[in-house]
Amino acid sequence: MSRHDFTEGLRRSASSLLGDAGESECGMHLLSFDGSGGIVRCVHTHVTQTRAALAAIHEIRDLRIAVYVIGISGTVKGAKRFFGDGA
């Protein structure tokens, strides 16, 4: 799966679950992605909504997937240190 496909799947999921305004407020951005894992950045006050949008992804381009959150970090530097650059 490409980075673009995952980003579009995340945006569709967030928009469906939270609405366009809610998606925008979360400020989600895919920092790194290696085809099977990645790091998603969001506004610190919208972690719960971002996790819900990630959990709601079940299919991207006819490929059934499951998204698991393996951790949360307060900084991008901490996330890269603990979870790797591509997670």
N, C-alpha and C. Protein backbone atom coordinates (compact mmCIF):
# COMPACT_ATOMS: atom_id res chain seq x y z
N MET A 1 0.85 -1.17 0.00
CA MET A 1 0.00 0.00 0.00
C MET A 1 0.90 1.24 0.00
N SER A 2 0.50 2.21 -0.77
CA SER A 2 1.31 3.43 -0.86
C SER A 2 0.96 4.41 0.26
N ARG A 3 1.85 5.33 0.47
CA ARG A 3 1.64 6.39 1.46
C ARG A 3 0.38 7.19 1.11
N HIS A 4 0.23 7.49 -0.17
CA HIS A 4 -0.93 8.26 -0.64
C HIS A 4 -2.23 7.51 -0.36
N ASP A 5 -2.25 6.20 -0.62
CA ASP A 5 -3.45 5.41 -0.37
C ASP A 5 -3.83 5.43 1.11
N PHE A 6 -2.83 5.27 1.99
CA PHE A 6 -3.12 5.27 3.43
C PHE A 6 -3.62 6.64 3.87
N THR A 7 -2.99 7.71 3.38
CA THR A 7 -3.40 9.06 3.75
C THR A 7 -4.84 9.32 3.33
N GLU A 8 -5.19 8.91 2.11
CA GLU A 8 -6.56 9.10 1.64
C GLU A 8 -7.55 8.26 2.46
N GLY A 9 -7.16 7.04 2.82
CA GLY A 9 -8.01 6.20 3.66
C GLY A 9 -8.23 6.81 5.03
N LEU A 10 -7.19 7.39 5.60
CA LEU A 10 -7.30 8.05 6.90
C LEU A 10 -8.22 9.27 6.80
N ARG A 11 -8.06 10.05 5.76
CA ARG A 11 -8.91 11.24 5.59
C ARG A 11 -10.38 10.86 5.40
N ARG A 12 -10.63 9.82 4.59
CA ARG A 12 -12.00 9.37 4.39
C ARG A 12 -12.62 8.87 5.69
N SER A 13 -11.84 8.11 6.44
CA SER A 13 -12.32 7.58 7.71
C SER A 13 -12.64 8.71 8.69
N ALA A 14 -11.71 9.66 8.81
CA ALA A 14 -11.91 10.77 9.74
C ALA A 14 -13.09 11.63 9.32
N SER A 15 -13.23 11.89 8.05
CA SER A 15 -14.33 12.71 7.56
C SER A 15 -15.67 12.01 7.80
N SER A 16 -15.71 10.71 7.57
CA SER A 16 -16.94 9.95 7.79
C SER A 16 -17.32 9.91 9.27
N LEU A 17 -16.33 9.72 10.12
CA LEU A 17 -16.57 9.58 11.55
C LEU A 17 -16.77 10.91 12.26
N LEU A 18 -15.95 11.91 11.91
CA LEU A 18 -15.91 13.17 12.64
C LEU A 18 -16.51 14.36 11.88
N GLY A 19 -16.78 14.17 10.60
CA GLY A 19 -17.21 15.28 9.76
C GLY A 19 -15.99 16.06 9.27
N ASP A 20 -16.20 16.90 8.30
CA ASP A 20 -15.08 17.66 7.73
C ASP A 20 -14.43 18.59 8.75
N ALA A 21 -15.25 19.25 9.57
CA ALA A 21 -14.71 20.16 10.57
C ALA A 21 -13.90 19.40 11.62
N GLY A 22 -14.43 18.25 12.07
CA GLY A 22 -13.72 17.44 13.06
C GLY A 22 -12.41 16.91 12.53
N GLU A 23 -12.40 16.50 11.26
CA GLU A 23 -11.16 16.03 10.64
C GLU A 23 -10.13 17.15 10.62
N SER A 24 -10.56 18.33 10.26
CA SER A 24 -9.66 19.48 10.19
C SER A 24 -9.09 19.84 11.57
N GLU A 25 -9.93 19.78 12.59
CA GLU A 25 -9.50 20.12 13.95
C GLU A 25 -8.45 19.16 14.48
N CYS A 26 -8.49 17.90 14.04
CA CYS A 26 -7.52 16.90 14.50
C CYS A 26 -6.11 17.20 13.99
N GLY A 27 -6.00 17.83 12.84
CA GLY A 27 -4.70 18.17 12.29
C GLY A 27 -3.84 16.94 12.01
N MET A 28 -4.43 15.87 11.51
CA MET A 28 -3.69 14.64 11.26
C MET A 28 -2.74 14.79 10.08
N HIS A 29 -1.54 14.25 10.25
CA HIS A 29 -0.53 14.29 9.20
C HIS A 29 0.32 13.03 9.30
N LEU A 30 0.47 12.33 8.20
CA LEU A 30 1.28 11.12 8.17
C LEU A 30 2.74 11.53 8.01
N LEU A 31 3.52 11.36 9.09
CA LEU A 31 4.92 11.78 9.07
C LEU A 31 5.82 10.78 8.35
N SER A 32 5.59 9.50 8.60
CA SER A 32 6.38 8.48 7.92
C SER A 32 5.51 7.25 7.72
N PHE A 33 5.83 6.51 6.66
CA PHE A 33 5.06 5.32 6.33
C PHE A 33 5.92 4.43 5.45
N ASP A 34 6.00 3.16 5.82
CA ASP A 34 6.84 2.23 5.06
C ASP A 34 6.06 1.12 4.36
N GLY A 35 4.75 1.29 4.25
CA GLY A 35 3.92 0.29 3.60
C GLY A 35 3.20 -0.62 4.57
N SER A 36 3.75 -0.75 5.78
CA SER A 36 3.09 -1.59 6.78
C SER A 36 2.99 -0.92 8.14
N GLY A 37 3.62 0.21 8.32
CA GLY A 37 3.56 0.93 9.59
C GLY A 37 3.94 2.38 9.37
N GLY A 38 3.58 3.21 10.32
CA GLY A 38 3.90 4.62 10.17
C GLY A 38 3.66 5.41 11.43
N ILE A 39 3.93 6.70 11.33
CA ILE A 39 3.74 7.63 12.44
C ILE A 39 2.77 8.71 11.98
N VAL A 40 1.68 8.88 12.75
CA VAL A 40 0.66 9.90 12.45
C VAL A 40 0.76 10.97 13.52
N ARG A 41 0.84 12.22 13.10
CA ARG A 41 0.88 13.36 14.01
C ARG A 41 -0.52 13.95 14.09
N CYS A 42 -0.89 14.44 15.30
CA CYS A 42 -2.17 15.12 15.45
C CYS A 42 -2.06 16.18 16.54
N VAL A 43 -3.08 17.00 16.63
CA VAL A 43 -3.16 18.01 17.69
C VAL A 43 -3.34 17.28 19.02
N HIS A 44 -2.60 17.69 20.05
CA HIS A 44 -2.60 16.94 21.30
C HIS A 44 -3.97 16.87 21.99
N THR A 45 -4.84 17.79 21.69
CA THR A 45 -6.17 17.77 22.31
C THR A 45 -7.15 16.87 21.55
N HIS A 46 -6.71 16.27 20.44
CA HIS A 46 -7.59 15.44 19.62
C HIS A 46 -7.04 14.02 19.42
N VAL A 47 -6.31 13.53 20.39
CA VAL A 47 -5.74 12.19 20.30
C VAL A 47 -6.84 11.13 20.24
N THR A 48 -7.85 11.26 21.06
CA THR A 48 -8.93 10.27 21.09
C THR A 48 -9.65 10.20 19.76
N GLN A 49 -9.96 11.34 19.16
CA GLN A 49 -10.63 11.36 17.87
C GLN A 49 -9.73 10.77 16.78
N THR A 50 -8.44 11.06 16.83
CA THR A 50 -7.51 10.52 15.85
C THR A 50 -7.41 9.01 15.97
N ARG A 51 -7.34 8.52 17.20
CA ARG A 51 -7.31 7.07 17.40
C ARG A 51 -8.59 6.41 16.88
N ALA A 52 -9.72 7.06 17.08
CA ALA A 52 -10.99 6.52 16.59
C ALA A 52 -11.00 6.48 15.05
N ALA A 53 -10.50 7.52 14.42
CA ALA A 53 -10.44 7.55 12.95
C ALA A 53 -9.52 6.45 12.43
N LEU A 54 -8.41 6.22 13.10
CA LEU A 54 -7.49 5.14 12.70
C LEU A 54 -8.16 3.78 12.88
N ALA A 55 -8.85 3.60 13.98
CA ALA A 55 -9.51 2.32 14.26
C ALA A 55 -10.65 2.03 13.27
N ALA A 56 -11.23 3.08 12.72
CA ALA A 56 -12.36 2.91 11.81
C ALA A 56 -11.93 2.52 10.39
N ILE A 57 -10.65 2.60 10.10
CA ILE A 57 -10.17 2.19 8.77
C ILE A 57 -10.21 0.67 8.71
N HIS A 58 -10.91 0.14 7.71
CA HIS A 58 -10.97 -1.32 7.57
C HIS A 58 -10.68 -1.77 6.15
N GLU A 59 -10.69 -0.83 5.22
CA GLU A 59 -10.44 -1.20 3.82
C GLU A 59 -9.89 0.01 3.07
N ILE A 60 -8.83 -0.22 2.31
CA ILE A 60 -8.27 0.82 1.46
C ILE A 60 -8.01 0.18 0.10
N ARG A 61 -8.63 0.74 -0.93
CA ARG A 61 -8.48 0.24 -2.31
C ARG A 61 -8.75 -1.26 -2.40
N ASP A 62 -9.85 -1.68 -1.86
CA ASP A 62 -10.28 -3.09 -1.89
C ASP A 62 -9.35 -4.03 -1.13
N LEU A 63 -8.47 -3.50 -0.33
CA LEU A 63 -7.57 -4.30 0.51
C LEU A 63 -8.04 -4.18 1.95
N ARG A 64 -8.42 -5.29 2.56
CA ARG A 64 -8.87 -5.27 3.96
C ARG A 64 -7.66 -5.10 4.85
N ILE A 65 -7.74 -4.13 5.76
CA ILE A 65 -6.63 -3.86 6.67
C ILE A 65 -7.14 -3.66 8.09
N ALA A 66 -6.23 -3.75 9.03
CA ALA A 66 -6.50 -3.42 10.43
C ALA A 66 -5.39 -2.49 10.89
N VAL A 67 -5.77 -1.40 11.53
CA VAL A 67 -4.80 -0.42 12.02
C VAL A 67 -4.71 -0.56 13.53
N TYR A 68 -3.51 -0.72 14.03
CA TYR A 68 -3.28 -0.84 15.47
C TYR A 68 -2.43 0.32 15.94
N VAL A 69 -2.84 0.95 17.03
CA VAL A 69 -2.03 2.00 17.66
C VAL A 69 -1.14 1.31 18.67
N ILE A 70 0.18 1.41 18.47
CA ILE A 70 1.10 0.73 19.38
C ILE A 70 1.66 1.66 20.45
N GLY A 71 1.39 2.96 20.31
CA GLY A 71 1.85 3.87 21.34
C GLY A 71 1.54 5.31 20.98
N ILE A 72 1.71 6.17 21.98
CA ILE A 72 1.49 7.61 21.82
C ILE A 72 2.69 8.31 22.42
N SER A 73 3.15 9.36 21.75
CA SER A 73 4.29 10.13 22.24
C SER A 73 3.91 11.60 22.25
N GLY A 74 4.51 12.33 23.14
CA GLY A 74 4.26 13.77 23.21
C GLY A 74 5.01 14.57 22.16
N THR A 75 6.06 13.98 21.59
CA THR A 75 6.85 14.69 20.59
C THR A 75 7.16 13.77 19.41
N VAL A 76 7.42 14.37 18.27
CA VAL A 76 7.80 13.60 17.09
C VAL A 76 9.14 12.91 17.34
N LYS A 77 10.06 13.61 17.97
CA LYS A 77 11.37 13.02 18.27
C LYS A 77 11.22 11.78 19.14
N GLY A 78 10.36 11.85 20.14
CA GLY A 78 10.12 10.69 21.01
C GLY A 78 9.48 9.55 20.26
N ALA A 79 8.56 9.86 19.37
CA ALA A 79 7.90 8.81 18.59
C ALA A 79 8.90 8.09 17.70
N LYS A 80 9.76 8.84 17.05
CA LYS A 80 10.77 8.22 16.18
C LYS A 80 11.77 7.40 16.99
N ARG A 81 12.08 7.86 18.18
CA ARG A 81 13.03 7.12 19.02
C ARG A 81 12.43 5.80 19.50
N PHE A 82 11.18 5.82 19.93
CA PHE A 82 10.56 4.62 20.50
C PHE A 82 9.98 3.69 19.45
N PHE A 83 9.43 4.25 18.39
CA PHE A 83 8.71 3.42 17.42
C PHE A 83 9.45 3.26 16.10
N GLY A 84 10.58 3.89 15.95
CA GLY A 84 11.32 3.83 14.70
C GLY A 84 10.82 4.87 13.74
N ASP A 85 11.61 5.15 12.72
CA ASP A 85 11.25 6.22 11.78
C ASP A 85 10.06 5.84 10.92
N GLY A 86 9.85 4.54 10.66
CA GLY A 86 8.70 4.12 9.87
C GLY A 86 7.72 3.33 10.68
N ALA A 87 7.95 3.29 12.01
CA ALA A 87 7.12 2.54 12.95
C ALA A 87 7.24 1.11 12.71
